[in-house]
């Protein structure tokens, strides 16, 4: 399974091609805005298979999501 990162504007301009690629080739797209991952595009069949099992593929996707998830922090920590 191939995973690609793509900017949101590029995804918007190429949505049909991305959709065909996801459905026909199983490619997953991580859509980014301002270099922060915001969403994932994957085929319905791929999504259903991920929900159905607890195998290595699901664990790999969970790892990818954790790695790509933006970490938001507001303010500064104060040590007591």
PDB file of N, CA and C in Angstrom:
ATOM      1  N   UNK A   1       0.848  -1.178   0.000  1.00  0.00           N
ATOM      2  CA  UNK A   1       0.000   0.000   0.000  1.00  0.00           C
ATOM      3  C   UNK A   1       0.891   1.238   0.000  1.00  0.00           C
ATOM      4  N   UNK A   2       0.669   2.116  -0.938  1.00  0.00           N
ATOM      5  CA  UNK A   2       1.476   3.319  -1.080  1.00  0.00           C
ATOM      6  C   UNK A   2       0.746   4.481  -0.400  1.00  0.00           C
ATOM      7  N   UNK A   3       1.494   5.295   0.356  1.00  0.00           N
ATOM      8  CA  UNK A   3       0.941   6.489   0.991  1.00  0.00           C
ATOM      9  C   UNK A   3       1.699   7.699   0.483  1.00  0.00           C
ATOM     10  N   UNK A   4       0.968   8.733   0.072  1.00  0.00           N
ATOM     11  CA  UNK A   4       1.578   9.952  -0.442  1.00  0.00           C
ATOM     12  C   UNK A   4       1.096  11.154   0.342  1.00  0.00           C
ATOM     13  N   UNK A   5       1.969  12.124   0.508  1.00  0.00           N
ATOM     14  CA  UNK A   5       1.589  13.405   1.112  1.00  0.00           C
ATOM     15  C   UNK A   5       1.309  14.384  -0.010  1.00  0.00           C
ATOM     16  N   UNK A   6       0.289  15.215   0.184  1.00  0.00           N
ATOM     17  CA  UNK A   6      -0.070  16.173  -0.853  1.00  0.00           C
ATOM     18  C   UNK A   6      -0.622  17.442  -0.206  1.00  0.00           C
ATOM     19  N   UNK A   7      -0.265  18.581  -0.756  1.00  0.00           N
ATOM     20  CA  UNK A   7      -0.775  19.863  -0.254  1.00  0.00           C
ATOM     21  C   UNK A   7      -2.261  19.979  -0.574  1.00  0.00           C
ATOM     22  N   UNK A   8      -3.003  20.665   0.283  1.00  0.00           N
ATOM     23  CA  UNK A   8      -4.455  20.769   0.107  1.00  0.00           C
ATOM     24  C   UNK A   8      -4.830  21.422  -1.218  1.00  0.00           C
ATOM     25  N   UNK A   9      -4.078  22.417  -1.662  1.00  0.00           N
ATOM     26  CA  UNK A   9      -4.409  23.050  -2.946  1.00  0.00           C
ATOM     27  C   UNK A   9      -4.171  22.092  -4.110  1.00  0.00           C
ATOM     28  N   UNK A  10      -3.108  21.303  -4.031  1.00  0.00           N
ATOM     29  CA  UNK A  10      -2.840  20.321  -5.074  1.00  0.00           C
ATOM     30  C   UNK A  10      -3.910  19.227  -5.049  1.00  0.00           C
ATOM     31  N   UNK A  11      -4.336  18.830  -3.850  1.00  0.00           N
ATOM     32  CA  UNK A  11      -5.401  17.836  -3.728  1.00  0.00           C
ATOM     33  C   UNK A  11      -6.698  18.365  -4.322  1.00  0.00           C
ATOM     34  N   UNK A  12      -6.987  19.613  -4.065  1.00  0.00           N
ATOM     35  CA  UNK A  12      -8.203  20.230  -4.604  1.00  0.00           C
ATOM     36  C   UNK A  12      -8.171  20.236  -6.130  1.00  0.00           C
ATOM     37  N   UNK A  13      -7.024  20.556  -6.694  1.00  0.00           N
ATOM     38  CA  UNK A  13      -6.898  20.639  -8.146  1.00  0.00           C
ATOM     39  C   UNK A  13      -6.850  19.272  -8.828  1.00  0.00           C
ATOM     40  N   UNK A  14      -6.533  18.216  -8.071  1.00  0.00           N
ATOM     41  CA  UNK A  14      -6.357  16.882  -8.661  1.00  0.00           C
ATOM     42  C   UNK A  14      -7.231  15.831  -7.996  1.00  0.00           C
ATOM     43  N   UNK A  15      -8.355  16.247  -7.432  1.00  0.00           N
ATOM     44  CA  UNK A  15      -9.177  15.332  -6.650  1.00  0.00           C
ATOM     45  C   UNK A  15      -9.629  14.114  -7.459  1.00  0.00           C
ATOM     46  N   UNK A  16     -10.058  14.303  -8.673  1.00  0.00           N
ATOM     47  CA  UNK A  16     -10.514  13.177  -9.499  1.00  0.00           C
ATOM     48  C   UNK A  16      -9.419  12.155  -9.718  1.00  0.00           C
ATOM     49  N   UNK A  17      -8.211  12.618 -10.006  1.00  0.00           N
ATOM     50  CA  UNK A  17      -7.080  11.710 -10.211  1.00  0.00           C
ATOM     51  C   UNK A  17      -6.741  10.971  -8.922  1.00  0.00           C
ATOM     52  N   UNK A  18      -6.777  11.698  -7.801  1.00  0.00           N
ATOM     53  CA  UNK A  18      -6.488  11.074  -6.509  1.00  0.00           C
ATOM     54  C   UNK A  18      -7.533  10.006  -6.186  1.00  0.00           C
ATOM     55  N   UNK A  19      -8.791  10.318  -6.440  1.00  0.00           N
ATOM     56  CA  UNK A  19      -9.873   9.374  -6.164  1.00  0.00           C
ATOM     57  C   UNK A  19      -9.703   8.107  -7.000  1.00  0.00           C
ATOM     58  N   UNK A  20      -9.415   8.273  -8.279  1.00  0.00           N
ATOM     59  CA  UNK A  20      -9.172   7.114  -9.149  1.00  0.00           C
ATOM     60  C   UNK A  20      -7.980   6.298  -8.649  1.00  0.00           C
ATOM     61  N   UNK A  21      -6.902   6.969  -8.262  1.00  0.00           N
ATOM     62  CA  UNK A  21      -5.698   6.298  -7.775  1.00  0.00           C
ATOM     63  C   UNK A  21      -5.993   5.532  -6.486  1.00  0.00           C
ATOM     64  N   UNK A  22      -6.768   6.128  -5.600  1.00  0.00           N
ATOM     65  CA  UNK A  22      -7.114   5.465  -4.340  1.00  0.00           C
ATOM     66  C   UNK A  22      -7.959   4.225  -4.600  1.00  0.00           C
ATOM     67  N   UNK A  23      -8.953   4.337  -5.466  1.00  0.00           N
ATOM     68  CA  UNK A  23      -9.863   3.225  -5.734  1.00  0.00           C
ATOM     69  C   UNK A  23      -9.176   2.127  -6.554  1.00  0.00           C
ATOM     70  N   UNK A  24      -8.462   2.508  -7.598  1.00  0.00           N
ATOM     71  CA  UNK A  24      -7.890   1.520  -8.508  1.00  0.00           C
ATOM     72  C   UNK A  24      -6.571   0.930  -8.022  1.00  0.00           C
ATOM     73  N   UNK A  25      -5.764   1.737  -7.341  1.00  0.00           N
ATOM     74  CA  UNK A  25      -4.421   1.287  -6.952  1.00  0.00           C
ATOM     75  C   UNK A  25      -4.212   1.166  -5.452  1.00  0.00           C
ATOM     76  N   UNK A  26      -5.193   1.564  -4.661  1.00  0.00           N
ATOM     77  CA  UNK A  26      -5.064   1.466  -3.209  1.00  0.00           C
ATOM     78  C   UNK A  26      -4.161   2.513  -2.586  1.00  0.00           C
ATOM     79  N   UNK A  27      -3.855   3.575  -3.325  1.00  0.00           N
ATOM     80  CA  UNK A  27      -2.995   4.637  -2.793  1.00  0.00           C
ATOM     81  C   UNK A  27      -3.747   5.430  -1.734  1.00  0.00           C
ATOM     82  N   UNK A  28      -3.055   5.741  -0.646  1.00  0.00           N
ATOM     83  CA  UNK A  28      -3.611   6.587   0.408  1.00  0.00           C
ATOM     84  C   UNK A  28      -2.949   7.953   0.305  1.00  0.00           C
ATOM     85  N   UNK A  29      -3.727   8.993   0.525  1.00  0.00           N
ATOM     86  CA  UNK A  29      -3.206  10.355   0.466  1.00  0.00           C
ATOM     87  C   UNK A  29      -3.369  11.033   1.810  1.00  0.00           C
ATOM     88  N   UNK A  30      -2.273  11.601   2.316  1.00  0.00           N
ATOM     89  CA  UNK A  30      -2.307  12.438   3.513  1.00  0.00           C
ATOM     90  C   UNK A  30      -2.336  13.867   3.010  1.00  0.00           C
ATOM     91  N   UNK A  31      -3.419  14.566   3.296  1.00  0.00           N
ATOM     92  CA  UNK A  31      -3.606  15.934   2.799  1.00  0.00           C
ATOM     93  C   UNK A  31      -3.128  16.906   3.859  1.00  0.00           C
ATOM     94  N   UNK A  32      -2.224  17.805   3.429  1.00  0.00           N
ATOM     95  CA  UNK A  32      -1.612  18.751   4.347  1.00  0.00           C
ATOM     96  C   UNK A  32      -2.000  20.180   4.027  1.00  0.00           C
ATOM     97  N   UNK A  33      -2.122  20.966   5.060  1.00  0.00           N
ATOM     98  CA  UNK A  33      -2.337  22.409   4.925  1.00  0.00           C
ATOM     99  C   UNK A  33      -1.301  23.081   5.807  1.00  0.00           C
ATOM    100  N   UNK A  34      -0.543  23.980   5.204  1.00  0.00           N
ATOM    101  CA  UNK A  34       0.539  24.674   5.908  1.00  0.00           C
ATOM    102  C   UNK A  34       1.496  23.679   6.582  1.00  0.00           C
ATOM    103  N   UNK A  35       1.845  22.637   5.835  1.00  0.00           N
ATOM    104  CA  UNK A  35       2.779  21.593   6.269  1.00  0.00           C
ATOM    105  C   UNK A  35       2.301  20.790   7.469  1.00  0.00           C
ATOM    106  N   UNK A  36       1.026  20.864   7.805  1.00  0.00           N
ATOM    107  CA  UNK A  36       0.463  20.063   8.887  1.00  0.00           C
ATOM    108  C   UNK A  36      -0.566  19.102   8.290  1.00  0.00           C
ATOM    109  N   UNK A  37      -0.481  17.849   8.645  1.00  0.00           N
ATOM    110  CA  UNK A  37      -1.413  16.846   8.141  1.00  0.00           C
ATOM    111  C   UNK A  37      -2.802  17.124   8.683  1.00  0.00           C
ATOM    112  N   UNK A  38      -3.794  17.109   7.767  1.00  0.00           N
ATOM    113  CA  UNK A  38      -5.156  17.458   8.141  1.00  0.00           C
ATOM    114  C   UNK A  38      -6.160  16.332   7.906  1.00  0.00           C
ATOM    115  N   UNK A  39      -5.956  15.518   6.860  1.00  0.00           N
ATOM    116  CA  UNK A  39      -6.936  14.492   6.499  1.00  0.00           C
ATOM    117  C   UNK A  39      -6.256  13.385   5.707  1.00  0.00           C
ATOM    118  N   UNK A  40      -6.977  12.261   5.590  1.00  0.00           N
ATOM    119  CA  UNK A  40      -6.493  11.136   4.802  1.00  0.00           C
ATOM    120  C   UNK A  40      -7.577  10.757   3.798  1.00  0.00           C
ATOM    121  N   UNK A  41      -7.169  10.540   2.550  1.00  0.00           N
ATOM    122  CA  UNK A  41      -8.068  10.036   1.523  1.00  0.00           C
ATOM    123  C   UNK A  41      -7.660   8.591   1.248  1.00  0.00           C
ATOM    124  N   UNK A  42      -8.618   7.674   1.389  1.00  0.00           N
ATOM    125  CA  UNK A  42      -8.378   6.282   1.043  1.00  0.00           C
ATOM    126  C   UNK A  42      -9.670   5.694   0.514  1.00  0.00           C
ATOM    127  N   UNK A  43      -9.563   4.584  -0.199  1.00  0.00           N
ATOM    128  CA  UNK A  43     -10.749   3.990  -0.802  1.00  0.00           C
ATOM    129  C   UNK A  43     -11.662   3.418   0.279  1.00  0.00           C
ATOM    130  N   UNK A  44     -12.922   3.267  -0.061  1.00  0.00           N
ATOM    131  CA  UNK A  44     -13.887   2.682   0.865  1.00  0.00           C
ATOM    132  C   UNK A  44     -13.509   1.236   1.191  1.00  0.00           C
ATOM    133  N   UNK A  45     -13.063   0.486   0.197  1.00  0.00           N
ATOM    134  CA  UNK A  45     -12.642  -0.900   0.432  1.00  0.00           C
ATOM    135  C   UNK A  45     -11.467  -0.951   1.403  1.00  0.00           C
ATOM    136  N   UNK A  46     -10.520  -0.042   1.239  1.00  0.00           N
ATOM    137  CA  UNK A  46      -9.365   0.039   2.136  1.00  0.00           C
ATOM    138  C   UNK A  46      -9.822   0.373   3.555  1.00  0.00           C
ATOM    139  N   UNK A  47     -10.711   1.330   3.683  1.00  0.00           N
ATOM    140  CA  UNK A  47     -11.233   1.739   4.985  1.00  0.00           C
ATOM    141  C   UNK A  47     -11.973   0.582   5.659  1.00  0.00           C
ATOM    142  N   UNK A  48     -12.815  -0.116   4.908  1.00  0.00           N
ATOM    143  CA  UNK A  48     -13.557  -1.250   5.458  1.00  0.00           C
ATOM    144  C   UNK A  48     -12.619  -2.356   5.941  1.00  0.00           C
ATOM    145  N   UNK A  49     -11.571  -2.620   5.182  1.00  0.00           N
ATOM    146  CA  UNK A  49     -10.626  -3.662   5.598  1.00  0.00           C
ATOM    147  C   UNK A  49      -9.865  -3.248   6.853  1.00  0.00           C
ATOM    148  N   UNK A  50      -9.578  -1.971   6.981  1.00  0.00           N
ATOM    149  CA  UNK A  50      -8.902  -1.489   8.193  1.00  0.00           C
ATOM    150  C   UNK A  50      -9.804  -1.626   9.416  1.00  0.00           C
ATOM    151  N   UNK A  51     -11.088  -1.341   9.253  1.00  0.00           N
ATOM    152  CA  UNK A  51     -12.023  -1.449  10.369  1.00  0.00           C
ATOM    153  C   UNK A  51     -12.294  -2.901  10.747  1.00  0.00           C
ATOM    154  N   UNK A  52     -12.209  -3.799   9.777  1.00  0.00           N
ATOM    155  CA  UNK A  52     -12.563  -5.199  10.005  1.00  0.00           C
ATOM    156  C   UNK A  52     -11.511  -5.956  10.808  1.00  0.00           C
ATOM    157  N   UNK A  53     -10.274  -5.578  10.677  1.00  0.00           N
ATOM    158  CA  UNK A  53      -9.227  -6.383  11.294  1.00  0.00           C
ATOM    159  C   UNK A  53      -8.405  -5.635  12.325  1.00  0.00           C
ATOM    160  N   UNK A  54      -7.543  -6.405  12.948  1.00  0.00           N
ATOM    161  CA  UNK A  54      -6.610  -5.826  13.913  1.00  0.00           C
ATOM    162  C   UNK A  54      -5.194  -6.289  13.561  1.00  0.00           C
ATOM    163  N   UNK A  55      -4.969  -6.458  12.263  1.00  0.00           N
ATOM    164  CA  UNK A  55      -3.703  -6.994  11.787  1.00  0.00           C
ATOM    165  C   UNK A  55      -2.622  -5.931  11.652  1.00  0.00           C
ATOM    166  N   UNK A  56      -1.531  -6.312  11.032  1.00  0.00           N
ATOM    167  CA  UNK A  56      -0.383  -5.411  10.895  1.00  0.00           C
ATOM    168  C   UNK A  56      -0.686  -4.166  10.061  1.00  0.00           C
ATOM    169  N   UNK A  57      -1.588  -4.308   9.093  1.00  0.00           N
ATOM    170  CA  UNK A  57      -1.933  -3.153   8.251  1.00  0.00           C
ATOM    171  C   UNK A  57      -2.579  -2.046   9.085  1.00  0.00           C
ATOM    172  N   UNK A  58      -3.463  -2.424   9.975  1.00  0.00           N
ATOM    173  CA  UNK A  58      -4.124  -1.437  10.844  1.00  0.00           C
ATOM    174  C   UNK A  58      -3.109  -0.793  11.787  1.00  0.00           C
ATOM    175  N   UNK A  59      -2.224  -1.585  12.347  1.00  0.00           N
ATOM    176  CA  UNK A  59      -1.199  -1.041  13.242  1.00  0.00           C
ATOM    177  C   UNK A  59      -0.270  -0.085  12.494  1.00  0.00           C
ATOM    178  N   UNK A  60       0.051  -0.421  11.241  1.00  0.00           N
ATOM    179  CA  UNK A  60       0.908   0.450  10.439  1.00  0.00           C
ATOM    180  C   UNK A  60       0.214   1.782  10.175  1.00  0.00           C
ATOM    181  N   UNK A  61      -1.077   1.746   9.849  1.00  0.00           N
ATOM    182  CA  UNK A  61      -1.805   2.986   9.604  1.00  0.00           C
ATOM    183  C   UNK A  61      -1.901   3.822  10.879  1.00  0.00           C
ATOM    184  N   UNK A  62      -2.125   3.187  12.010  1.00  0.00           N
ATOM    185  CA  UNK A  62      -2.156   3.914  13.286  1.00  0.00           C
ATOM    186  C   UNK A  62      -0.824   4.609  13.540  1.00  0.00           C
ATOM    187  N   UNK A  63       0.290   3.924  13.222  1.00  0.00           N
ATOM    188  CA  UNK A  63       1.614   4.517  13.387  1.00  0.00           C
ATOM    189  C   UNK A  63       1.789   5.722  12.468  1.00  0.00           C
ATOM    190  N   UNK A  64       1.364   5.591  11.209  1.00  0.00           N
ATOM    191  CA  UNK A  64       1.465   6.697  10.249  1.00  0.00           C
ATOM    192  C   UNK A  64       0.649   7.888  10.738  1.00  0.00           C
ATOM    193  N   UNK A  65      -0.549   7.629  11.237  1.00  0.00           N
ATOM    194  CA  UNK A  65      -1.406   8.717  11.731  1.00  0.00           C
ATOM    195  C   UNK A  65      -0.744   9.418  12.908  1.00  0.00           C
ATOM    196  N   UNK A  66      -0.202   8.649  13.841  1.00  0.00           N
ATOM    197  CA  UNK A  66       0.485   9.260  14.995  1.00  0.00           C
ATOM    198  C   UNK A  66       1.664  10.116  14.547  1.00  0.00           C
ATOM    199  N   UNK A  67       2.450   9.614  13.595  1.00  0.00           N
ATOM    200  CA  UNK A  67       3.631  10.344  13.131  1.00  0.00           C
ATOM    201  C   UNK A  67       3.254  11.627  12.397  1.00  0.00           C
ATOM    202  N   UNK A  68       2.139  11.607  11.671  1.00  0.00           N
ATOM    203  CA  UNK A  68       1.762  12.754  10.858  1.00  0.00           C
ATOM    204  C   UNK A  68       0.851  13.734  11.584  1.00  0.00           C
ATOM    205  N   UNK A  69       0.313  13.336  12.724  1.00  0.00           N
ATOM    206  CA  UNK A  69      -0.609  14.213  13.443  1.00  0.00           C
ATOM    207  C   UNK A  69       0.122  15.434  13.972  1.00  0.00           C
ATOM    208  N   UNK A  70      -0.462  16.609  13.732  1.00  0.00           N
ATOM    209  CA  UNK A  70       0.169  17.815  14.255  1.00  0.00           C
ATOM    210  C   UNK A  70       0.038  17.859  15.777  1.00  0.00           C
ATOM    211  N   UNK A  71       1.056  18.369  16.417  1.00  0.00           N
ATOM    212  CA  UNK A  71       1.026  18.554  17.862  1.00  0.00           C
ATOM    213  C   UNK A  71       0.767  20.020  18.138  1.00  0.00           C
ATOM    214  N   UNK A  72      -0.382  20.292  18.729  1.00  0.00           N
ATOM    215  CA  UNK A  72      -0.739  21.663  19.039  1.00  0.00           C
ATOM    216  C   UNK A  72      -0.422  21.940  20.495  1.00  0.00           C
ATOM    217  N   UNK A  73       0.219  23.043  20.732  1.00  0.00           N
ATOM    218  CA  UNK A  73       0.444  23.458  22.108  1.00  0.00           C
ATOM    219  C   UNK A  73       0.253  24.960  22.173  1.00  0.00           C
ATOM    220  N   UNK A  74      -0.491  25.367  23.155  1.00  0.00           N
ATOM    221  CA  UNK A  74      -0.775  26.774  23.352  1.00  0.00           C
ATOM    222  C   UNK A  74      -0.188  27.194  24.673  1.00  0.00           C
ATOM    223  N   UNK A  75       0.491  28.286  24.674  1.00  0.00           N
ATOM    224  CA  UNK A  75       1.066  28.782  25.926  1.00  0.00           C
ATOM    225  C   UNK A  75       2.356  28.107  26.255  1.00  0.00           C
ATOM    226  N   UNK A  76       2.871  28.450  27.395  1.00  0.00           N
ATOM    227  CA  UNK A  76       4.160  27.956  27.846  1.00  0.00           C
ATOM    228  C   UNK A  76       3.963  27.189  29.134  1.00  0.00           C
ATOM    229  N   UNK A  77       4.621  26.049  29.262  1.00  0.00           N
ATOM    230  CA  UNK A  77       4.521  25.273  30.497  1.00  0.00           C
ATOM    231  C   UNK A  77       5.195  26.012  31.635  1.00  0.00           C
ATOM    232  N   UNK A  78       4.581  25.929  32.798  1.00  0.00           N
ATOM    233  CA  UNK A  78       5.152  26.561  33.992  1.00  0.00           C
ATOM    234  C   UNK A  78       5.459  25.457  34.984  1.00  0.00           C
ATOM    235  N   UNK A  79       6.699  25.365  35.331  1.00  0.00           N
ATOM    236  CA  UNK A  79       7.131  24.366  36.310  1.00  0.00           C
ATOM    237  C   UNK A  79       6.877  24.910  37.703  1.00  0.00           C
ATOM    238  N   UNK A  80       6.312  24.074  38.568  1.00  0.00           N
ATOM    239  CA  UNK A  80       6.035  24.526  39.950  1.00  0.00           C
ATOM    240  C   UNK A  80       7.112  24.063  40.872  1.00  0.00           C
TER     241      UNK A  80
END
